[in-house]
């Protein structure tokens, strides 16, 4: 009898070990007084908000050369935090130009006034009704942030997402707003044939209507902000800014000169892009090399 019970318990234990990964994790309610940001997670049929640790080092003043975009989104966010009408925003343009950083810097600017950030991936936007419903009764103001929102040619789920955005955001409580970033203005890959309206395109009798259907998703955002590749002068100005910030924090002396400028330009050339991310990476590399040489 004892042997049978032991065998049964062993088999039950093995079964529970196999089932445990399929069960949703134990979720604790988020204390939004102390938590500034969260990410929407999903496992199977279950979704929940996971608290995030936020890096408070990035400030709006660190974002150089995008003053117009910064001021427009700042004003929109200020309206939202104050309980006034505001628009969902689409930040589109070249990579590494400060789109995501601007949204995160705004969180730090308005966190003391009740602004909170929830990151939600493109593939999780179908859960938008569930997320929005869970936030409506809270006193804080929530920006739902979708980074790198885009669709490749042939993907049809943008139509599903369009319907979800319509249904979720039009009836969303006034303490929820959506900010999204993308490298594409209309969120979808565009072909030259899209503009060849004088002939049939992909057997479409009315190609302009097909194009309208594909770009209608971006119309869900009332505020469009464009971000462009950096000029050389813009890039070098950002390099100098980050050199000052990082070198000061590391107690490393530096002086801008022709040699340092050429090194920054070679760094950007090696990566095939001049942008804010590249400038910050060069500053970290250069300061780290100086500290290593000084310590060696």
C-alpha atoms as a PDB file:
ATOM      1  CA  UNK A   1       0.000   0.000   0.000  1.00  0.00           C
ATOM      2  CA  UNK A   2       2.794   2.386   0.982  1.00  0.00           C
ATOM      3  CA  UNK A   3       4.690   1.575  -2.211  1.00  0.00           C
ATOM      4  CA  UNK A   4       1.626   2.303  -4.363  1.00  0.00           C
ATOM      5  CA  UNK A   5       1.084   5.663  -2.631  1.00  0.00           C
ATOM      6  CA  UNK A   6       4.739   6.599  -3.138  1.00  0.00           C
ATOM      7  CA  UNK A   7       4.569   5.707  -6.825  1.00  0.00           C
ATOM      8  CA  UNK A   8       1.356   7.715  -7.220  1.00  0.00           C
ATOM      9  CA  UNK A   9       2.910  10.779  -5.566  1.00  0.00           C
ATOM     10  CA  UNK A  10       5.985  10.523  -7.777  1.00  0.00           C
ATOM     11  CA  UNK A  11       3.833  10.380 -10.909  1.00  0.00           C
ATOM     12  CA  UNK A  12       1.738  13.314  -9.675  1.00  0.00           C
ATOM     13  CA  UNK A  13       4.893  15.303  -9.027  1.00  0.00           C
ATOM     14  CA  UNK A  14       6.172  14.629 -12.542  1.00  0.00           C
ATOM     15  CA  UNK A  15       2.809  15.659 -13.987  1.00  0.00           C
ATOM     16  CA  UNK A  16       2.846  18.931 -12.021  1.00  0.00           C
ATOM     17  CA  UNK A  17       6.403  19.635 -13.211  1.00  0.00           C
ATOM     18  CA  UNK A  18       5.196  19.328 -16.805  1.00  0.00           C
ATOM     19  CA  UNK A  19       2.104  21.454 -16.224  1.00  0.00           C
ATOM     20  CA  UNK A  20       3.782  24.238 -14.246  1.00  0.00           C
ATOM     21  CA  UNK A  21       5.382  25.993 -17.280  1.00  0.00           C
ATOM     22  CA  UNK A  22       1.925  26.179 -18.876  1.00  0.00           C
ATOM     23  CA  UNK A  23       0.374  27.985 -15.908  1.00  0.00           C
ATOM     24  CA  UNK A  24       0.388  31.804 -15.726  1.00  0.00           C
ATOM     25  CA  UNK A  25       2.884  33.257 -13.247  1.00  0.00           C
ATOM     26  CA  UNK A  26       1.653  34.632  -9.967  1.00  0.00           C
ATOM     27  CA  UNK A  27       0.921  38.291 -10.623  1.00  0.00           C
ATOM     28  CA  UNK A  28       0.943  40.956  -7.919  1.00  0.00           C
ATOM     29  CA  UNK A  29      -0.955  44.207  -8.273  1.00  0.00           C
ATOM     30  CA  UNK A  30       1.288  47.085  -9.358  1.00  0.00           C
ATOM     31  CA  UNK A  31       1.754  49.984  -6.974  1.00  0.00           C
ATOM     32  CA  UNK A  32       1.556  52.841  -9.470  1.00  0.00           C
ATOM     33  CA  UNK A  33       2.581  55.326  -6.803  1.00  0.00           C
ATOM     34  CA  UNK A  34       6.124  53.969  -6.894  1.00  0.00           C
ATOM     35  CA  UNK A  35       6.196  52.145 -10.252  1.00  0.00           C
ATOM     36  CA  UNK A  36       6.714  54.425 -13.259  1.00  0.00           C
ATOM     37  CA  UNK A  37       6.587  51.907 -16.101  1.00  0.00           C
ATOM     38  CA  UNK A  38       5.460  48.397 -16.964  1.00  0.00           C
ATOM     39  CA  UNK A  39       5.461  46.040 -19.928  1.00  0.00           C
ATOM     40  CA  UNK A  40       2.477  44.011 -21.112  1.00  0.00           C
ATOM     41  CA  UNK A  41       3.372  40.315 -21.055  1.00  0.00           C
ATOM     42  CA  UNK A  42       1.473  37.329 -22.373  1.00  0.00           C
ATOM     43  CA  UNK A  43       1.715  33.594 -21.755  1.00  0.00           C
ATOM     44  CA  UNK A  44      -0.884  31.462 -23.468  1.00  0.00           C
ATOM     45  CA  UNK A  45      -4.292  32.961 -22.844  1.00  0.00           C
ATOM     46  CA  UNK A  46      -3.118  35.046 -19.898  1.00  0.00           C
ATOM     47  CA  UNK A  47      -1.774  38.594 -19.980  1.00  0.00           C
ATOM     48  CA  UNK A  48      -0.409  40.819 -17.218  1.00  0.00           C
ATOM     49  CA  UNK A  49       1.631  43.944 -16.581  1.00  0.00           C
ATOM     50  CA  UNK A  50       5.230  43.425 -15.477  1.00  0.00           C
ATOM     51  CA  UNK A  51       6.841  46.341 -13.571  1.00  0.00           C
ATOM     52  CA  UNK A  52       9.977  47.823 -15.140  1.00  0.00           C
ATOM     53  CA  UNK A  53      12.943  49.622 -13.661  1.00  0.00           C
ATOM     54  CA  UNK A  54      13.342  52.982 -15.330  1.00  0.00           C
ATOM     55  CA  UNK A  55      16.661  54.675 -16.069  1.00  0.00           C
ATOM     56  CA  UNK A  56      16.176  58.269 -14.943  1.00  0.00           C
ATOM     57  CA  UNK A  57      19.409  59.534 -16.512  1.00  0.00           C
ATOM     58  CA  UNK A  58      17.958  60.680 -19.846  1.00  0.00           C
ATOM     59  CA  UNK A  59      16.531  64.214 -19.886  1.00  0.00           C
ATOM     60  CA  UNK A  60      14.831  66.245 -22.602  1.00  0.00           C
ATOM     61  CA  UNK A  61      17.870  68.543 -22.780  1.00  0.00           C
ATOM     62  CA  UNK A  62      19.970  65.571 -23.904  1.00  0.00           C
ATOM     63  CA  UNK A  63      18.022  65.385 -27.180  1.00  0.00           C
ATOM     64  CA  UNK A  64      19.690  67.903 -29.472  1.00  0.00           C
ATOM     65  CA  UNK A  65      18.542  68.911 -32.938  1.00  0.00           C
ATOM     66  CA  UNK A  66      14.947  67.716 -32.543  1.00  0.00           C
ATOM     67  CA  UNK A  67      13.636  70.760 -30.696  1.00  0.00           C
ATOM     68  CA  UNK A  68      10.536  71.115 -32.880  1.00  0.00           C
ATOM     69  CA  UNK A  69       9.487  67.496 -32.417  1.00  0.00           C
ATOM     70  CA  UNK A  70      10.286  67.705 -28.709  1.00  0.00           C
ATOM     71  CA  UNK A  71       8.216  70.842 -28.180  1.00  0.00           C
ATOM     72  CA  UNK A  72       5.202  69.459 -30.054  1.00  0.00           C
ATOM     73  CA  UNK A  73       5.155  66.175 -28.148  1.00  0.00           C
ATOM     74  CA  UNK A  74       5.902  68.011 -24.910  1.00  0.00           C
ATOM     75  CA  UNK A  75       2.857  70.241 -25.415  1.00  0.00           C
ATOM     76  CA  UNK A  76       0.664  67.251 -26.306  1.00  0.00           C
ATOM     77  CA  UNK A  77       1.829  65.371 -23.214  1.00  0.00           C
ATOM     78  CA  UNK A  78       1.368  68.408 -20.990  1.00  0.00           C
ATOM     79  CA  UNK A  79      -2.247  68.668 -22.206  1.00  0.00           C
ATOM     80  CA  UNK A  80      -2.775  64.983 -21.511  1.00  0.00           C
ATOM     81  CA  UNK A  81      -1.308  65.108 -17.999  1.00  0.00           C
ATOM     82  CA  UNK A  82      -3.459  68.153 -17.200  1.00  0.00           C
ATOM     83  CA  UNK A  83      -6.613  66.255 -18.189  1.00  0.00           C
ATOM     84  CA  UNK A  84      -7.116  68.226 -21.393  1.00  0.00           C
ATOM     85  CA  UNK A  85      -7.799  66.779 -24.869  1.00  0.00           C
ATOM     86  CA  UNK A  86      -4.673  65.343 -26.523  1.00  0.00           C
ATOM     87  CA  UNK A  87      -3.807  63.244 -29.565  1.00  0.00           C
ATOM     88  CA  UNK A  88      -2.294  59.821 -30.051  1.00  0.00           C
ATOM     89  CA  UNK A  89       1.152  60.363 -31.577  1.00  0.00           C
ATOM     90  CA  UNK A  90       3.185  58.621 -34.277  1.00  0.00           C
ATOM     91  CA  UNK A  91       6.913  59.347 -34.279  1.00  0.00           C
ATOM     92  CA  UNK A  92       8.400  58.167 -37.562  1.00  0.00           C
ATOM     93  CA  UNK A  93      11.702  58.529 -39.358  1.00  0.00           C
ATOM     94  CA  UNK A  94      15.354  57.520 -39.426  1.00  0.00           C
ATOM     95  CA  UNK A  95      16.643  55.082 -36.838  1.00  0.00           C
ATOM     96  CA  UNK A  96      18.602  56.323 -33.845  1.00  0.00           C
ATOM     97  CA  UNK A  97      17.326  59.900 -34.106  1.00  0.00           C
ATOM     98  CA  UNK A  98      15.682  60.093 -30.680  1.00  0.00           C
ATOM     99  CA  UNK A  99      12.125  58.841 -31.184  1.00  0.00           C
ATOM    100  CA  UNK A 100      12.035  56.316 -28.358  1.00  0.00           C
ATOM    101  CA  UNK A 101      14.322  58.414 -26.186  1.00  0.00           C
ATOM    102  CA  UNK A 102      11.945  61.360 -26.457  1.00  0.00           C
ATOM    103  CA  UNK A 103       9.015  59.314 -25.147  1.00  0.00           C
ATOM    104  CA  UNK A 104      11.065  57.966 -22.237  1.00  0.00           C
ATOM    105  CA  UNK A 105      12.432  61.418 -21.404  1.00  0.00           C
ATOM    106  CA  UNK A 106       8.873  62.743 -21.258  1.00  0.00           C
ATOM    107  CA  UNK A 107       8.066  60.061 -18.696  1.00  0.00           C
ATOM    108  CA  UNK A 108      10.794  61.405 -16.435  1.00  0.00           C
ATOM    109  CA  UNK A 109       9.583  64.965 -17.016  1.00  0.00           C
ATOM    110  CA  UNK A 110       5.982  64.264 -15.969  1.00  0.00           C
ATOM    111  CA  UNK A 111       6.321  61.282 -13.620  1.00  0.00           C
ATOM    112  CA  UNK A 112       5.843  63.553 -10.627  1.00  0.00           C
ATOM    113  CA  UNK A 113       2.523  64.699 -12.100  1.00  0.00           C
ATOM    114  CA  UNK A 114       1.175  61.181 -12.419  1.00  0.00           C
ATOM    115  CA  UNK A 115       2.357  60.125 -15.880  1.00  0.00           C
ATOM    116  CA  UNK A 116       3.103  56.421 -16.299  1.00  0.00           C
ATOM    117  CA  UNK A 117       4.373  54.406 -19.279  1.00  0.00           C
ATOM    118  CA  UNK A 118       3.257  50.964 -20.447  1.00  0.00           C
ATOM    119  CA  UNK A 119       5.280  49.278 -23.180  1.00  0.00           C
ATOM    120  CA  UNK A 120       3.297  47.027 -25.476  1.00  0.00           C
ATOM    121  CA  UNK A 121       4.739  45.150 -28.455  1.00  0.00           C
ATOM    122  CA  UNK A 122       3.181  45.277 -31.902  1.00  0.00           C
ATOM    123  CA  UNK A 123       2.118  41.627 -31.684  1.00  0.00           C
ATOM    124  CA  UNK A 124       0.390  42.332 -28.364  1.00  0.00           C
ATOM    125  CA  UNK A 125      -1.721  45.275 -29.550  1.00  0.00           C
ATOM    126  CA  UNK A 126      -4.639  42.902 -30.044  1.00  0.00           C
ATOM    127  CA  UNK A 127      -4.746  42.833 -26.222  1.00  0.00           C
ATOM    128  CA  UNK A 128      -5.355  46.578 -26.203  1.00  0.00           C
ATOM    129  CA  UNK A 129      -8.980  46.325 -25.000  1.00  0.00           C
ATOM    130  CA  UNK A 130      -7.862  44.286 -21.998  1.00  0.00           C
ATOM    131  CA  UNK A 131      -5.032  46.687 -21.151  1.00  0.00           C
ATOM    132  CA  UNK A 132      -7.193  49.786 -21.520  1.00  0.00           C
ATOM    133  CA  UNK A 133      -9.975  48.301 -19.383  1.00  0.00           C
ATOM    134  CA  UNK A 134      -7.539  47.651 -16.525  1.00  0.00           C
ATOM    135  CA  UNK A 135      -6.390  51.295 -16.451  1.00  0.00           C
ATOM    136  CA  UNK A 136      -9.615  53.263 -16.661  1.00  0.00           C
ATOM    137  CA  UNK A 137     -10.327  53.472 -12.928  1.00  0.00           C
ATOM    138  CA  UNK A 138      -6.796  54.494 -11.910  1.00  0.00           C
ATOM    139  CA  UNK A 139      -5.889  58.099 -11.055  1.00  0.00           C
ATOM    140  CA  UNK A 140      -2.631  58.113 -13.042  1.00  0.00           C
ATOM    141  CA  UNK A 141      -2.276  59.094 -16.716  1.00  0.00           C
ATOM    142  CA  UNK A 142      -0.977  56.280 -18.927  1.00  0.00           C
ATOM    143  CA  UNK A 143       0.919  56.434 -22.213  1.00  0.00           C
ATOM    144  CA  UNK A 144       0.788  53.110 -24.033  1.00  0.00           C
ATOM    145  CA  UNK A 145       4.100  52.971 -25.906  1.00  0.00           C
ATOM    146  CA  UNK A 146       4.605  50.744 -28.957  1.00  0.00           C
ATOM    147  CA  UNK A 147       8.172  50.912 -30.252  1.00  0.00           C
ATOM    148  CA  UNK A 148       9.001  50.065 -33.873  1.00  0.00           C
ATOM    149  CA  UNK A 149       5.445  49.655 -35.128  1.00  0.00           C
ATOM    150  CA  UNK A 150       5.542  48.527 -38.764  1.00  0.00           C
ATOM    151  CA  UNK A 151       4.322  45.838 -41.146  1.00  0.00           C
ATOM    152  CA  UNK A 152       5.987  44.158 -44.101  1.00  0.00           C
ATOM    153  CA  UNK A 153       4.414  43.774 -47.518  1.00  0.00           C
ATOM    154  CA  UNK A 154       1.942  40.906 -47.607  1.00  0.00           C
ATOM    155  CA  UNK A 155       1.067  41.018 -43.916  1.00  0.00           C
ATOM    156  CA  UNK A 156      -2.669  41.234 -43.445  1.00  0.00           C
ATOM    157  CA  UNK A 157      -2.835  41.593 -39.667  1.00  0.00           C
ATOM    158  CA  UNK A 158      -2.577  45.379 -39.971  1.00  0.00           C
ATOM    159  CA  UNK A 159      -6.307  45.318 -40.792  1.00  0.00           C
ATOM    160  CA  UNK A 160      -6.995  43.492 -37.539  1.00  0.00           C
ATOM    161  CA  UNK A 161      -4.854  45.992 -35.691  1.00  0.00           C
ATOM    162  CA  UNK A 162      -6.642  48.885 -37.378  1.00  0.00           C
ATOM    163  CA  UNK A 163      -9.961  47.583 -36.095  1.00  0.00           C
ATOM    164  CA  UNK A 164      -8.548  47.046 -32.609  1.00  0.00           C
ATOM    165  CA  UNK A 165      -7.136  50.574 -32.507  1.00  0.00           C
ATOM    166  CA  UNK A 166     -10.458  51.981 -33.658  1.00  0.00           C
ATOM    167  CA  UNK A 167     -12.477  50.045 -31.116  1.00  0.00           C
ATOM    168  CA  UNK A 168     -10.072  50.403 -28.208  1.00  0.00           C
ATOM    169  CA  UNK A 169      -8.867  53.966 -28.566  1.00  0.00           C
ATOM    170  CA  UNK A 170     -12.096  55.654 -29.596  1.00  0.00           C
ATOM    171  CA  UNK A 171     -13.793  54.464 -26.410  1.00  0.00           C
ATOM    172  CA  UNK A 172     -10.672  54.574 -24.218  1.00  0.00           C
ATOM    173  CA  UNK A 173     -10.853  56.428 -20.900  1.00  0.00           C
ATOM    174  CA  UNK A 174      -9.339  59.899 -20.914  1.00  0.00           C
ATOM    175  CA  UNK A 175      -6.337  58.735 -18.878  1.00  0.00           C
ATOM    176  CA  UNK A 176      -4.953  56.548 -21.709  1.00  0.00           C
ATOM    177  CA  UNK A 177      -3.005  57.686 -24.793  1.00  0.00           C
ATOM    178  CA  UNK A 178      -1.008  55.782 -27.434  1.00  0.00           C
ATOM    179  CA  UNK A 179       2.464  56.846 -28.600  1.00  0.00           C
ATOM    180  CA  UNK A 180       4.153  54.735 -31.292  1.00  0.00           C
ATOM    181  CA  UNK A 181       7.455  54.917 -33.154  1.00  0.00           C
ATOM    182  CA  UNK A 182       8.207  53.609 -36.636  1.00  0.00           C
ATOM    183  CA  UNK A 183      10.796  53.886 -39.369  1.00  0.00           C
ATOM    184  CA  UNK A 184       7.921  54.190 -41.851  1.00  0.00           C
ATOM    185  CA  UNK A 185       5.526  57.089 -42.186  1.00  0.00           C
ATOM    186  CA  UNK A 186       2.564  54.886 -43.091  1.00  0.00           C
ATOM    187  CA  UNK A 187       3.715  51.898 -40.988  1.00  0.00           C
ATOM    188  CA  UNK A 188       3.755  49.646 -44.065  1.00  0.00           C
ATOM    189  CA  UNK A 189       6.274  48.942 -46.800  1.00  0.00           C
ATOM    190  CA  UNK A 190       5.409  51.041 -49.863  1.00  0.00           C
ATOM    191  CA  UNK A 191       6.118  50.122 -53.500  1.00  0.00           C
ATOM    192  CA  UNK A 192       6.606  52.275 -56.547  1.00  0.00           C
ATOM    193  CA  UNK A 193       3.585  50.558 -58.038  1.00  0.00           C
ATOM    194  CA  UNK A 194       1.439  52.128 -55.316  1.00  0.00           C
ATOM    195  CA  UNK A 195       1.677  55.420 -57.180  1.00  0.00           C
ATOM    196  CA  UNK A 196       1.027  54.024 -60.657  1.00  0.00           C
ATOM    197  CA  UNK A 197      -2.667  54.818 -60.524  1.00  0.00           C
ATOM    198  CA  UNK A 198      -3.102  55.031 -64.274  1.00  0.00           C
ATOM    199  CA  UNK A 199      -2.952  51.263 -64.698  1.00  0.00           C
ATOM    200  CA  UNK A 200      -3.971  48.151 -62.837  1.00  0.00           C
ATOM    201  CA  UNK A 201      -1.722  47.272 -59.937  1.00  0.00           C
ATOM    202  CA  UNK A 202      -1.696  43.670 -58.735  1.00  0.00           C
ATOM    203  CA  UNK A 203      -4.945  43.167 -60.712  1.00  0.00           C
ATOM    204  CA  UNK A 204      -6.645  45.929 -58.677  1.00  0.00           C
ATOM    205  CA  UNK A 205      -9.299  47.812 -60.623  1.00  0.00           C
ATOM    206  CA  UNK A 206      -9.067  50.689 -58.149  1.00  0.00           C
ATOM    207  CA  UNK A 207      -5.468  50.711 -56.898  1.00  0.00           C
ATOM    208  CA  UNK A 208      -5.828  54.027 -55.070  1.00  0.00           C
ATOM    209  CA  UNK A 209      -8.426  52.406 -52.800  1.00  0.00           C
ATOM    210  CA  UNK A 210      -6.017  49.578 -52.010  1.00  0.00           C
ATOM    211  CA  UNK A 211      -3.332  52.106 -51.099  1.00  0.00           C
ATOM    212  CA  UNK A 212      -5.782  54.014 -48.901  1.00  0.00           C
ATOM    213  CA  UNK A 213      -6.598  50.793 -47.067  1.00  0.00           C
ATOM    214  CA  UNK A 214      -2.924  50.157 -46.343  1.00  0.00           C
ATOM    215  CA  UNK A 215      -2.109  53.641 -45.068  1.00  0.00           C
ATOM    216  CA  UNK A 216      -5.310  54.160 -43.076  1.00  0.00           C
ATOM    217  CA  UNK A 217      -3.651  52.692 -39.980  1.00  0.00           C
ATOM    218  CA  UNK A 218      -1.425  55.733 -39.538  1.00  0.00           C
ATOM    219  CA  UNK A 219      -4.493  57.983 -39.662  1.00  0.00           C
ATOM    220  CA  UNK A 220      -5.423  56.681 -36.203  1.00  0.00           C
ATOM    221  CA  UNK A 221      -2.737  59.016 -34.855  1.00  0.00           C
ATOM    222  CA  UNK A 222      -3.655  62.690 -34.641  1.00  0.00           C
ATOM    223  CA  UNK A 223      -0.074  63.896 -34.193  1.00  0.00           C
ATOM    224  CA  UNK A 224       2.658  62.946 -36.690  1.00  0.00           C
ATOM    225  CA  UNK A 225       6.260  63.858 -35.898  1.00  0.00           C
ATOM    226  CA  UNK A 226       9.021  63.354 -38.491  1.00  0.00           C
ATOM    227  CA  UNK A 227      12.647  62.572 -37.596  1.00  0.00           C
ATOM    228  CA  UNK A 228      15.370  62.955 -40.238  1.00  0.00           C
ATOM    229  CA  UNK A 229      18.979  61.707 -40.584  1.00  0.00           C
ATOM    230  CA  UNK A 230      21.591  63.888 -38.897  1.00  0.00           C
ATOM    231  CA  UNK A 231      23.787  66.249 -40.836  1.00  0.00           C
ATOM    232  CA  UNK A 232      27.496  66.112 -40.021  1.00  0.00           C
ATOM    233  CA  UNK A 233      27.316  69.265 -37.888  1.00  0.00           C
ATOM    234  CA  UNK A 234      24.292  67.904 -36.007  1.00  0.00           C
ATOM    235  CA  UNK A 235      26.058  64.621 -35.362  1.00  0.00           C
ATOM    236  CA  UNK A 236      29.222  66.321 -34.084  1.00  0.00           C
ATOM    237  CA  UNK A 237      27.192  68.566 -31.784  1.00  0.00           C
ATOM    238  CA  UNK A 238      25.574  65.490 -30.238  1.00  0.00           C
ATOM    239  CA  UNK A 239      28.987  63.822 -29.898  1.00  0.00           C
ATOM    240  CA  UNK A 240      30.295  66.843 -27.972  1.00  0.00           C
ATOM    241  CA  UNK A 241      27.230  66.812 -25.744  1.00  0.00           C
ATOM    242  CA  UNK A 242      27.616  63.160 -24.803  1.00  0.00           C
ATOM    243  CA  UNK A 243      31.361  63.468 -24.372  1.00  0.00           C
ATOM    244  CA  UNK A 244      30.715  66.211 -21.846  1.00  0.00           C
ATOM    245  CA  UNK A 245      28.054  64.197 -20.018  1.00  0.00           C
ATOM    246  CA  UNK A 246      29.898  60.879 -19.897  1.00  0.00           C
ATOM    247  CA  UNK A 247      33.364  62.309 -19.277  1.00  0.00           C
ATOM    248  CA  UNK A 248      32.112  64.470 -16.415  1.00  0.00           C
ATOM    249  CA  UNK A 249      30.371  61.510 -14.779  1.00  0.00           C
ATOM    250  CA  UNK A 250      33.566  59.459 -15.111  1.00  0.00           C
ATOM    251  CA  UNK A 251      35.816  62.329 -13.970  1.00  0.00           C
ATOM    252  CA  UNK A 252      37.693  62.163 -17.270  1.00  0.00           C
ATOM    253  CA  UNK A 253      39.233  65.283 -18.790  1.00  0.00           C
ATOM    254  CA  UNK A 254      38.762  65.948 -22.496  1.00  0.00           C
ATOM    255  CA  UNK A 255      39.173  68.697 -25.057  1.00  0.00           C
ATOM    256  CA  UNK A 256      37.533  68.955 -28.453  1.00  0.00           C
ATOM    257  CA  UNK A 257      40.073  69.112 -31.264  1.00  0.00           C
ATOM    258  CA  UNK A 258      40.545  68.079 -34.883  1.00  0.00           C
ATOM    259  CA  UNK A 259      41.837  64.633 -33.967  1.00  0.00           C
ATOM    260  CA  UNK A 260      38.800  63.885 -31.813  1.00  0.00           C
ATOM    261  CA  UNK A 261      36.458  65.172 -34.517  1.00  0.00           C
ATOM    262  CA  UNK A 262      38.036  62.897 -37.116  1.00  0.00           C
ATOM    263  CA  UNK A 263      37.765  59.942 -34.744  1.00  0.00           C
ATOM    264  CA  UNK A 264      34.038  60.639 -34.268  1.00  0.00           C
ATOM    265  CA  UNK A 265      33.495  60.862 -38.027  1.00  0.00           C
ATOM    266  CA  UNK A 266      35.392  57.616 -38.646  1.00  0.00           C
ATOM    267  CA  UNK A 267      33.231  55.937 -36.012  1.00  0.00           C
ATOM    268  CA  UNK A 268      30.060  57.021 -37.799  1.00  0.00           C
ATOM    269  CA  UNK A 269      31.460  56.075 -41.207  1.00  0.00           C
ATOM    270  CA  UNK A 270      32.231  52.575 -39.959  1.00  0.00           C
ATOM    271  CA  UNK A 271      28.599  52.154 -38.948  1.00  0.00           C
ATOM    272  CA  UNK A 272      27.147  53.732 -42.056  1.00  0.00           C
ATOM    273  CA  UNK A 273      24.986  56.151 -40.104  1.00  0.00           C
ATOM    274  CA  UNK A 274      25.176  59.465 -38.263  1.00  0.00           C
ATOM    275  CA  UNK A 275      22.617  59.617 -35.468  1.00  0.00           C
ATOM    276  CA  UNK A 276      22.238  60.199 -31.756  1.00  0.00           C
ATOM    277  CA  UNK A 277      22.706  56.553 -30.836  1.00  0.00           C
ATOM    278  CA  UNK A 278      25.953  56.419 -32.800  1.00  0.00           C
ATOM    279  CA  UNK A 279      27.155  59.641 -31.137  1.00  0.00           C
ATOM    280  CA  UNK A 280      26.487  58.305 -27.652  1.00  0.00           C
ATOM    281  CA  UNK A 281      28.188  55.004 -28.453  1.00  0.00           C
ATOM    282  CA  UNK A 282      31.287  56.827 -29.694  1.00  0.00           C
ATOM    283  CA  UNK A 283      31.381  58.963 -26.551  1.00  0.00           C
ATOM    284  CA  UNK A 284      31.219  55.859 -24.365  1.00  0.00           C
ATOM    285  CA  UNK A 285      33.934  54.181 -26.414  1.00  0.00           C
ATOM    286  CA  UNK A 286      36.254  57.185 -26.326  1.00  0.00           C
ATOM    287  CA  UNK A 287      35.839  57.918 -22.611  1.00  0.00           C
ATOM    288  CA  UNK A 288      36.281  54.240 -21.781  1.00  0.00           C
ATOM    289  CA  UNK A 289      39.504  54.104 -23.814  1.00  0.00           C
ATOM    290  CA  UNK A 290      40.869  57.181 -22.056  1.00  0.00           C
ATOM    291  CA  UNK A 291      40.137  55.711 -18.628  1.00  0.00           C
ATOM    292  CA  UNK A 292      41.667  52.377 -19.633  1.00  0.00           C
ATOM    293  CA  UNK A 293      44.857  54.050 -20.868  1.00  0.00           C
ATOM    294  CA  UNK A 294      45.076  56.219 -17.776  1.00  0.00           C
ATOM    295  CA  UNK A 295      44.676  53.183 -15.524  1.00  0.00           C
ATOM    296  CA  UNK A 296      47.149  51.103 -17.504  1.00  0.00           C
END
